[in-house]
C-alpha atoms as a PDB file:
ATOM      1  CA  UNK A   1     -70.816  38.639 185.164  1.00  0.00           C
ATOM      2  CA  UNK A   2     -70.984  37.951 181.454  1.00  0.00           C
ATOM      3  CA  UNK A   3     -74.497  39.321 181.068  1.00  0.00           C
ATOM      4  CA  UNK A   4     -76.110  42.167 183.015  1.00  0.00           C
ATOM      5  CA  UNK A   5     -78.148  41.166 186.029  1.00  0.00           C
ATOM      6  CA  UNK A   6     -79.911  42.803 188.911  1.00  0.00           C
ATOM      7  CA  UNK A   7     -76.569  43.160 190.719  1.00  0.00           C
ATOM      8  CA  UNK A   8     -74.442  43.984 187.666  1.00  0.00           C
ATOM      9  CA  UNK A   9     -75.273  47.039 185.541  1.00  0.00           C
ATOM     10  CA  UNK A  10     -75.267  46.736 181.781  1.00  0.00           C
ATOM     11  CA  UNK A  11     -72.214  48.961 181.323  1.00  0.00           C
ATOM     12  CA  UNK A  12     -70.078  46.595 183.463  1.00  0.00           C
ATOM     13  CA  UNK A  13     -71.162  43.283 181.912  1.00  0.00           C
ATOM     14  CA  UNK A  14     -68.299  41.509 180.169  1.00  0.00           C
ATOM     15  CA  UNK A  15     -70.184  41.373 176.869  1.00  0.00           C
ATOM     16  CA  UNK A  16     -70.720  45.127 176.926  1.00  0.00           C
ATOM     17  CA  UNK A  17     -67.090  45.837 177.760  1.00  0.00           C
ATOM     18  CA  UNK A  18     -66.045  43.280 175.137  1.00  0.00           C
ATOM     19  CA  UNK A  19     -68.055  45.071 172.475  1.00  0.00           C
ATOM     20  CA  UNK A  20     -66.333  48.292 173.494  1.00  0.00           C
ATOM     21  CA  UNK A  21     -62.915  46.621 173.246  1.00  0.00           C
ATOM     22  CA  UNK A  22     -63.701  45.270 169.774  1.00  0.00           C
ATOM     23  CA  UNK A  23     -64.374  48.795 168.527  1.00  0.00           C
ATOM     24  CA  UNK A  24     -60.727  49.647 169.290  1.00  0.00           C
ATOM     25  CA  UNK A  25     -59.340  46.695 167.349  1.00  0.00           C
ATOM     26  CA  UNK A  26     -59.461  48.102 163.832  1.00  0.00           C
ATOM     27  CA  UNK A  27     -55.796  47.130 163.705  1.00  0.00           C
ATOM     28  CA  UNK A  28     -53.810  44.813 166.008  1.00  0.00           C
ATOM     29  CA  UNK A  29     -52.595  46.359 169.283  1.00  0.00           C
ATOM     30  CA  UNK A  30     -50.667  45.332 172.350  1.00  0.00           C
ATOM     31  CA  UNK A  31     -52.628  44.594 175.502  1.00  0.00           C
ATOM     32  CA  UNK A  32     -51.222  47.696 177.197  1.00  0.00           C
ATOM     33  CA  UNK A  33     -52.099  49.948 174.243  1.00  0.00           C
ATOM     34  CA  UNK A  34     -55.612  48.524 174.202  1.00  0.00           C
ATOM     35  CA  UNK A  35     -55.945  49.095 177.964  1.00  0.00           C
ATOM     36  CA  UNK A  36     -54.755  52.693 177.678  1.00  0.00           C
ATOM     37  CA  UNK A  37     -57.167  53.418 174.850  1.00  0.00           C
ATOM     38  CA  UNK A  38     -60.070  51.905 176.783  1.00  0.00           C
ATOM     39  CA  UNK A  39     -59.077  53.820 179.926  1.00  0.00           C
ATOM     40  CA  UNK A  40     -58.896  57.079 177.980  1.00  0.00           C
ATOM     41  CA  UNK A  41     -62.284  56.346 176.446  1.00  0.00           C
ATOM     42  CA  UNK A  42     -63.741  55.507 179.897  1.00  0.00           C
ATOM     43  CA  UNK A  43     -63.180  59.061 181.067  1.00  0.00           C
ATOM     44  CA  UNK A  44     -65.831  60.299 178.609  1.00  0.00           C
ATOM     45  CA  UNK A  45     -69.060  60.165 180.674  1.00  0.00           C
ATOM     46  CA  UNK A  46     -71.470  59.518 177.788  1.00  0.00           C
ATOM     47  CA  UNK A  47     -69.849  56.293 176.647  1.00  0.00           C
ATOM     48  CA  UNK A  48     -69.085  54.276 179.776  1.00  0.00           C
ATOM     49  CA  UNK A  49     -69.889  55.995 183.068  1.00  0.00           C
ATOM     50  CA  UNK A  50     -68.160  53.436 185.290  1.00  0.00           C
ATOM     51  CA  UNK A  51     -64.448  52.918 184.979  1.00  0.00           C
ATOM     52  CA  UNK A  52     -63.500  49.256 184.819  1.00  0.00           C
ATOM     53  CA  UNK A  53     -60.479  47.794 186.552  1.00  0.00           C
ATOM     54  CA  UNK A  54     -57.567  46.084 184.823  1.00  0.00           C
ATOM     55  CA  UNK A  55     -58.611  42.647 186.059  1.00  0.00           C
ATOM     56  CA  UNK A  56     -62.100  43.189 184.629  1.00  0.00           C
ATOM     57  CA  UNK A  57     -60.460  44.187 181.333  1.00  0.00           C
ATOM     58  CA  UNK A  58     -58.412  40.964 181.350  1.00  0.00           C
ATOM     59  CA  UNK A  59     -61.551  38.922 182.038  1.00  0.00           C
ATOM     60  CA  UNK A  60     -63.089  40.625 179.025  1.00  0.00           C
ATOM     61  CA  UNK A  61     -60.121  39.630 176.855  1.00  0.00           C
ATOM     62  CA  UNK A  62     -60.405  36.067 178.170  1.00  0.00           C
ATOM     63  CA  UNK A  63     -64.080  35.977 177.232  1.00  0.00           C
ATOM     64  CA  UNK A  64     -63.435  37.380 173.749  1.00  0.00           C
ATOM     65  CA  UNK A  65     -60.692  34.805 173.221  1.00  0.00           C
ATOM     66  CA  UNK A  66     -62.916  31.959 174.443  1.00  0.00           C
ATOM     67  CA  UNK A  67     -65.652  33.103 172.068  1.00  0.00           C
ATOM     68  CA  UNK A  68     -63.146  33.083 169.196  1.00  0.00           C
ATOM     69  CA  UNK A  69     -63.429  36.780 168.363  1.00  0.00           C
ATOM     70  CA  UNK A  70     -59.826  37.764 169.111  1.00  0.00           C
ATOM     71  CA  UNK A  71     -56.432  36.109 168.813  1.00  0.00           C
ATOM     72  CA  UNK A  72     -52.865  36.827 169.828  1.00  0.00           C
ATOM     73  CA  UNK A  73     -50.440  37.288 166.921  1.00  0.00           C
ATOM     74  CA  UNK A  74     -46.789  38.104 167.654  1.00  0.00           C
ATOM     75  CA  UNK A  75     -47.677  39.794 170.938  1.00  0.00           C
ATOM     76  CA  UNK A  76     -50.543  41.799 169.416  1.00  0.00           C
ATOM     77  CA  UNK A  77     -54.243  41.342 170.092  1.00  0.00           C
ATOM     78  CA  UNK A  78     -56.185  41.230 166.832  1.00  0.00           C
ATOM     79  CA  UNK A  79     -59.692  40.488 165.669  1.00  0.00           C
ATOM     80  CA  UNK A  80     -59.911  36.928 164.463  1.00  0.00           C
ATOM     81  CA  UNK A  81     -60.464  36.653 160.746  1.00  0.00           C
ATOM     82  CA  UNK A  82     -62.763  33.996 159.349  1.00  0.00           C
END
């Protein structure tokens, strides 16, 4: 689930999706804005051929938060600064 395996392709692993999410966090965004941007980006076949579901997206945010890479500030998801 977190890492790719024989039953989970690389483009659906939470770490891969998390890396994709982090590319959209140049500035803080709401969860819904981040989801819409990721969904729009998913429709481009070269970047992520399989569309992820909203619950998979939320699991990705949970993982990023647990790893200490993102934080929630005033209702906005932001990259955690050192």
